[in-house]
Amino acid sequence: MSKIAIACIVSLMLSVVWIFPATANEDIVQSEELIQQLKKQPQTRKTRGFVISGAETGPAPQQAAPPSATIYVYFISGTVDFADEQSRQQLDELGRALTSKALTGARFEISGHTDSVGSDEYNMNLSRRRAETVNAYLEENFGYSTTAVEGYGETQPIATNDTSEGRARNRRVVITRLD
């Protein structure tokens, strides 16, 4: 085999390695589903007109977690560049959801998360830059922007960082309702 043929095969193999992880595991979450996940659910706690002072109530009731949605936006390793068209499609669905009538006036935080590969400082910076990239995409394409953009690096894993599948799940963007 010639050197050129070998170089082409190696190049093709490298392309598959870089592209495959970016598109393998997650389906695109549709805007309707995102709207349902991000809508504020009505309070179900009812009272019969009694007012109880703070000293008599005992421990404070557990606050329900704010509505949030996790999406997977894939970036080229170590960069803020989108890795594939699926990531743009996912952001388009998110943009449609955030600008829908159902979520008009709602405030959201866009947070970036990474796996544990790299230093803590590097991952914190990278996760914030990626969240800012998502916010910029939404502003440019949908006129939606939030001032609440955070990077959490590897501090909030949702899966183990001991496997490639777990690391892939930890590299994500979370949209959390603030109001």
Protein backbone atom coordinates (compact mmCIF):
# COMPACT_ATOMS: atom_id res chain seq x y z
CA MET A 1 0.00 0.00 0.00
CA SER A 2 1.30 3.46 -0.79
CA LYS A 3 2.04 6.07 1.85
CA ILE A 4 -0.78 8.23 0.49
CA ALA A 5 -3.32 5.41 0.80
CA ILE A 6 -2.22 4.70 4.38
CA ALA A 7 -2.44 8.41 5.24
CA CYS A 8 -5.98 8.57 3.81
CA ILE A 9 -7.08 5.52 5.83
CA VAL A 10 -5.57 6.90 9.04
CA SER A 11 -7.17 10.29 8.40
CA LEU A 12 -10.55 8.65 7.81
CA MET A 13 -10.19 6.59 10.99
CA LEU A 14 -9.35 9.70 13.01
CA SER A 15 -12.40 11.46 11.58
CA VAL A 16 -14.63 8.61 12.69
CA VAL A 17 -13.10 8.59 16.17
CA TRP A 18 -13.74 12.32 16.62
CA ILE A 19 -17.24 12.34 15.12
CA PHE A 20 -18.67 9.10 16.52
CA PRO A 21 -18.67 10.03 20.24
CA ALA A 22 -20.38 13.32 19.46
CA THR A 23 -23.43 11.73 17.88
CA ALA A 24 -23.70 8.29 19.39
CA ASN A 25 -25.70 8.50 22.60
CA GLU A 26 -28.28 11.25 22.72
CA ASP A 27 -31.37 12.04 20.70
CA ILE A 28 -32.41 15.60 20.05
CA VAL A 29 -34.86 16.78 22.70
CA GLN A 30 -37.77 18.49 20.93
CA SER A 31 -38.83 22.05 21.87
CA GLU A 32 -42.25 20.87 23.14
CA GLU A 33 -40.56 18.50 25.59
CA LEU A 34 -38.16 21.23 26.71
CA ILE A 35 -41.10 23.58 27.32
CA GLN A 36 -42.80 20.97 29.51
CA GLN A 37 -39.59 20.39 31.47
CA LEU A 38 -39.00 24.11 32.00
CA LYS A 39 -42.55 25.23 32.82
CA LYS A 40 -43.07 26.18 36.43
CA GLN A 41 -45.29 23.60 38.03
CA PRO A 42 -48.10 24.97 40.21
CA GLN A 43 -47.72 24.62 43.96
CA THR A 44 -49.87 21.75 45.22
CA ARG A 45 -49.59 22.61 48.91
CA LYS A 46 -53.00 23.60 50.25
CA THR A 47 -53.98 25.13 53.56
CA ARG A 48 -57.36 25.58 55.22
CA GLY A 49 -56.84 29.23 56.05
CA PHE A 50 -54.64 28.61 59.11
CA VAL A 51 -51.56 30.73 59.69
CA ILE A 52 -48.81 29.04 61.65
CA SER A 53 -45.87 31.05 62.94
CA GLY A 54 -42.33 29.97 62.07
CA ALA A 55 -41.54 28.73 65.60
CA GLU A 56 -44.42 26.27 65.53
CA THR A 57 -43.80 24.79 62.12
CA GLY A 58 -40.77 22.64 62.89
CA PRO A 59 -38.24 21.95 60.16
CA ALA A 60 -38.72 23.89 56.94
CA PRO A 61 -40.36 21.88 54.17
CA GLN A 62 -38.07 20.68 51.42
CA GLN A 63 -37.98 23.07 48.47
CA ALA A 64 -38.69 21.41 45.15
CA ALA A 65 -35.82 21.64 42.70
CA PRO A 66 -36.37 24.33 40.08
CA PRO A 67 -37.45 23.10 36.65
CA SER A 68 -34.46 22.25 34.48
CA ALA A 69 -33.57 20.47 31.27
CA THR A 70 -30.33 18.77 30.31
CA ILE A 71 -29.23 18.85 26.70
CA TYR A 72 -26.14 17.45 25.07
CA VAL A 73 -24.27 19.90 22.91
CA TYR A 74 -21.07 18.38 21.63
CA PHE A 75 -17.91 20.39 21.17
CA ILE A 76 -14.64 19.55 19.49
CA SER A 77 -12.37 18.32 22.27
CA GLY A 78 -10.86 21.15 24.29
CA THR A 79 -12.63 23.88 22.27
CA VAL A 80 -15.86 25.88 22.18
CA ASP A 81 -16.53 24.85 18.55
CA PHE A 82 -19.61 22.69 17.93
CA ALA A 83 -18.65 19.17 16.87
CA ASP A 84 -21.64 18.35 14.71
CA GLU A 85 -24.90 19.43 13.12
CA GLN A 86 -26.89 17.54 15.78
CA SER A 87 -25.63 20.02 18.38
CA ARG A 88 -26.92 22.95 16.33
CA GLN A 89 -30.25 21.17 15.85
CA GLN A 90 -30.50 20.67 19.63
CA LEU A 91 -29.77 24.36 20.20
CA ASP A 92 -32.43 25.29 17.64
CA GLU A 93 -34.97 23.24 19.61
CA LEU A 94 -33.83 24.95 22.81
CA GLY A 95 -34.10 28.37 21.18
CA ARG A 96 -37.66 27.65 20.05
CA ALA A 97 -38.57 26.53 23.57
CA LEU A 98 -37.01 29.51 25.37
CA THR A 99 -38.71 31.99 23.03
CA SER A 100 -42.10 30.26 23.14
CA LYS A 101 -45.21 31.91 24.58
CA ALA A 102 -45.28 29.30 27.35
CA LEU A 103 -41.94 30.53 28.71
CA THR A 104 -42.31 34.26 28.01
CA GLY A 105 -40.80 36.29 30.84
CA ALA A 106 -39.15 33.31 32.52
CA ARG A 107 -35.51 33.65 33.56
CA PHE A 108 -33.00 30.85 33.04
CA GLU A 109 -29.42 29.95 33.83
CA ILE A 110 -27.32 28.27 31.18
CA SER A 111 -24.68 26.13 32.86
CA GLY A 112 -21.85 24.17 31.32
CA HIS A 113 -20.43 20.96 32.76
CA THR A 114 -17.38 18.86 31.86
CA ASP A 115 -15.95 15.45 32.58
CA SER A 116 -12.88 15.05 34.82
CA VAL A 117 -10.27 14.98 32.04
CA GLY A 118 -7.98 17.99 32.54
CA SER A 119 -7.29 20.16 35.56
CA ASP A 120 -10.06 21.58 37.74
CA GLU A 121 -9.17 25.13 36.68
CA TYR A 122 -9.10 24.24 32.99
CA ASN A 123 -12.47 22.45 33.16
CA MET A 124 -14.08 25.32 35.09
CA ASN A 125 -12.95 27.80 32.45
CA LEU A 126 -13.89 25.51 29.56
CA SER A 127 -17.38 24.83 30.93
CA ARG A 128 -18.06 28.56 31.33
CA ARG A 129 -16.80 29.35 27.83
CA ARG A 130 -19.02 26.61 26.40
CA ALA A 131 -22.07 27.94 28.29
CA GLU A 132 -21.25 31.42 26.91
CA THR A 133 -21.03 29.91 23.40
CA VAL A 134 -24.51 28.39 23.82
CA ASN A 135 -25.85 31.74 25.06
CA ALA A 136 -24.25 33.55 22.09
CA TYR A 137 -25.78 31.03 19.67
CA LEU A 138 -29.23 31.55 21.18
CA GLU A 139 -28.84 35.32 21.04
CA GLU A 140 -27.62 35.33 17.45
CA ASN A 141 -30.24 32.90 16.13
CA PHE A 142 -33.28 33.52 18.36
CA GLY A 143 -32.76 36.91 20.01
CA TYR A 144 -32.68 35.15 23.39
CA SER A 145 -29.99 35.94 25.92
CA THR A 146 -29.60 35.39 29.62
CA THR A 147 -27.26 37.12 32.04
CA ALA A 148 -27.03 33.95 34.12
CA VAL A 149 -24.28 31.90 32.48
CA GLU A 150 -22.21 29.62 34.71
CA GLY A 151 -19.50 27.05 34.33
CA TYR A 152 -19.38 24.25 36.87
CA GLY A 153 -16.52 22.27 35.38
CA GLU A 154 -16.42 18.75 36.75
CA THR A 155 -18.01 19.62 40.13
CA GLN A 156 -21.51 18.23 39.42
CA PRO A 157 -21.13 14.88 37.66
CA ILE A 158 -24.26 12.89 36.83
CA ALA A 159 -22.34 9.74 35.93
CA THR A 160 -19.01 8.10 36.66
CA ASN A 161 -15.92 9.57 35.05
CA ASP A 162 -14.35 6.09 34.99
CA THR A 163 -15.93 5.14 31.64
CA SER A 164 -16.16 6.90 28.29
CA GLU A 165 -19.97 6.67 28.45
CA GLY A 166 -20.03 8.30 31.88
CA ARG A 167 -17.66 11.07 30.80
CA ALA A 168 -19.87 11.73 27.76
CA ARG A 169 -22.93 12.14 30.03
CA ASN A 170 -21.03 14.56 32.26
CA ARG A 171 -20.20 16.84 29.30
CA ARG A 172 -23.52 18.67 29.07
CA VAL A 173 -25.40 21.95 29.22
CA VAL A 174 -28.19 22.39 31.78
CA ILE A 175 -30.92 25.01 31.50
CA THR A 176 -32.40 25.85 34.91
CA ARG A 177 -35.35 28.12 35.58
CA LEU A 178 -34.50 30.88 38.05
CA ASP A 179 -37.94 32.38 38.81
